[in-house]
Amino acid sequence: MPKSRFTQVSLKDTPFYHCIRRTVRRAFLCGADPYTGQCFEHRRGWIEKRLLHLAQVLSIDIAAYAVMSNHLHLVLKVDAETAEAWSSMKVVKQWHLVFGLSIF
């Protein structure tokens, strides 16, 4: 049975986490799909740019990453000191940077 993130993440034990994200239904994230013949390699650059952008905006450092044809691996380090130093307004501004809203 799946566990909630609250019970899985303990920054007291370690700030590093290995995260995996997979596609579903034989969908391809990157590379050539042998079933349809379509090439999705153009997505790799977008994914890498997005990961690096998120690392700058959030209080998380990317220790390593690998973008595969149908999944990706991330080794992340949570920067708790930076996050705890943020004011409520800073959190809202960072959230808006992630989701592309520019009201500030």
Protein backbone atom coordinates (compact mmCIF):
# COMPACT_ATOMS: atom_id res chain seq x y z
CA MET A 1 0.00 0.00 0.00
CA PRO A 2 1.39 3.44 -0.89
CA LYS A 3 2.64 5.71 1.88
CA SER A 4 2.05 9.45 2.00
CA ARG A 5 5.04 11.74 1.38
CA PHE A 6 4.73 13.02 4.93
CA THR A 7 5.75 9.58 6.23
CA GLN A 8 8.45 9.02 3.56
CA VAL A 9 10.39 12.30 3.74
CA SER A 10 12.51 13.01 6.80
CA LEU A 11 14.93 15.89 6.39
CA LYS A 12 16.45 14.99 9.76
CA ASP A 13 17.62 11.67 8.30
CA THR A 14 18.78 12.91 4.88
CA PRO A 15 18.24 15.89 2.57
CA PHE A 16 18.80 13.67 -0.53
CA TYR A 17 16.01 11.85 -2.36
CA HIS A 18 15.89 9.69 -5.47
CA CYS A 19 12.70 10.38 -7.42
CA ILE A 20 11.44 8.45 -10.43
CA ARG A 21 8.66 9.47 -12.81
CA ARG A 22 7.34 7.08 -15.45
CA THR A 23 5.01 7.46 -18.39
CA VAL A 24 1.91 5.31 -18.81
CA ARG A 25 0.36 3.27 -21.63
CA ARG A 26 3.64 2.86 -23.56
CA ALA A 27 3.89 6.61 -24.04
CA PHE A 28 7.32 7.92 -24.93
CA LEU A 29 8.93 10.78 -23.09
CA CYS A 30 11.96 11.06 -25.38
CA GLY A 31 13.47 9.17 -28.29
CA ALA A 32 11.86 7.26 -31.12
CA ASP A 33 8.69 5.29 -30.47
CA PRO A 34 9.03 1.94 -32.30
CA TYR A 35 5.25 1.40 -32.30
CA THR A 36 4.22 4.66 -33.99
CA GLY A 37 7.51 5.70 -35.61
CA GLN A 38 7.26 9.16 -34.05
CA CYS A 39 10.33 10.82 -32.57
CA PHE A 40 9.99 12.66 -29.28
CA GLU A 41 13.66 13.58 -28.85
CA HIS A 42 12.77 17.29 -28.94
CA ARG A 43 11.26 16.90 -25.46
CA ARG A 44 14.61 16.05 -23.83
CA GLY A 45 15.92 19.63 -24.08
CA TRP A 46 12.64 21.05 -22.78
CA ILE A 47 12.67 18.67 -19.79
CA GLU A 48 16.27 19.54 -18.93
CA LYS A 49 15.55 23.28 -19.17
CA ARG A 50 12.48 22.92 -16.99
CA LEU A 51 14.36 20.93 -14.34
CA LEU A 52 17.12 23.54 -14.19
CA HIS A 53 14.56 26.35 -14.00
CA LEU A 54 12.73 24.65 -11.14
CA ALA A 55 16.01 24.12 -9.29
CA GLN A 56 16.68 27.87 -9.46
CA VAL A 57 13.19 28.83 -8.31
CA LEU A 58 12.62 26.23 -5.57
CA SER A 59 14.79 25.45 -2.58
CA ILE A 60 15.86 22.14 -4.11
CA ASP A 61 19.21 21.33 -5.70
CA ILE A 62 19.56 18.74 -8.45
CA ALA A 63 22.44 16.40 -7.60
CA ALA A 64 21.90 14.22 -10.69
CA TYR A 65 19.27 13.46 -13.31
CA ALA A 66 18.71 11.12 -16.23
CA VAL A 67 16.00 11.54 -18.85
CA MET A 68 15.20 8.15 -20.42
CA SER A 69 12.80 7.20 -23.19
CA ASN A 70 9.85 6.45 -20.90
CA HIS A 71 10.94 7.71 -17.47
CA LEU A 72 13.27 10.03 -15.63
CA HIS A 73 15.40 9.81 -12.51
CA LEU A 74 16.21 12.71 -10.21
CA VAL A 75 18.51 12.85 -7.21
CA LEU A 76 17.40 15.93 -5.30
CA LYS A 77 18.78 17.70 -2.25
CA VAL A 78 16.28 19.67 -0.21
CA ASP A 79 17.73 22.99 0.94
CA ALA A 80 15.71 23.33 4.13
CA GLU A 81 17.66 26.32 5.46
CA THR A 82 16.81 28.41 2.40
CA ALA A 83 13.15 27.39 2.46
CA GLU A 84 12.78 28.18 6.15
CA ALA A 85 14.31 31.63 5.63
CA TRP A 86 11.69 32.57 3.02
CA SER A 87 8.87 34.89 4.04
CA SER A 88 5.29 34.12 3.06
CA MET A 89 5.51 36.71 0.27
CA LYS A 90 8.70 35.08 -1.08
CA VAL A 91 6.94 31.69 -1.17
CA VAL A 92 4.06 33.21 -3.14
CA LYS A 93 6.48 34.88 -5.58
CA GLN A 94 8.39 31.64 -6.13
CA TRP A 95 5.11 29.78 -6.70
CA HIS A 96 4.17 32.33 -9.35
CA LEU A 97 7.56 31.85 -11.04
CA VAL A 98 6.92 28.11 -11.27
CA PHE A 99 3.45 28.44 -12.76
CA GLY A 100 4.17 31.38 -15.06
CA LEU A 101 2.01 34.01 -13.41
CA SER A 102 3.48 37.48 -13.37
CA ILE A 103 1.43 39.66 -11.06
CA PHE A 104 4.43 41.15 -9.25
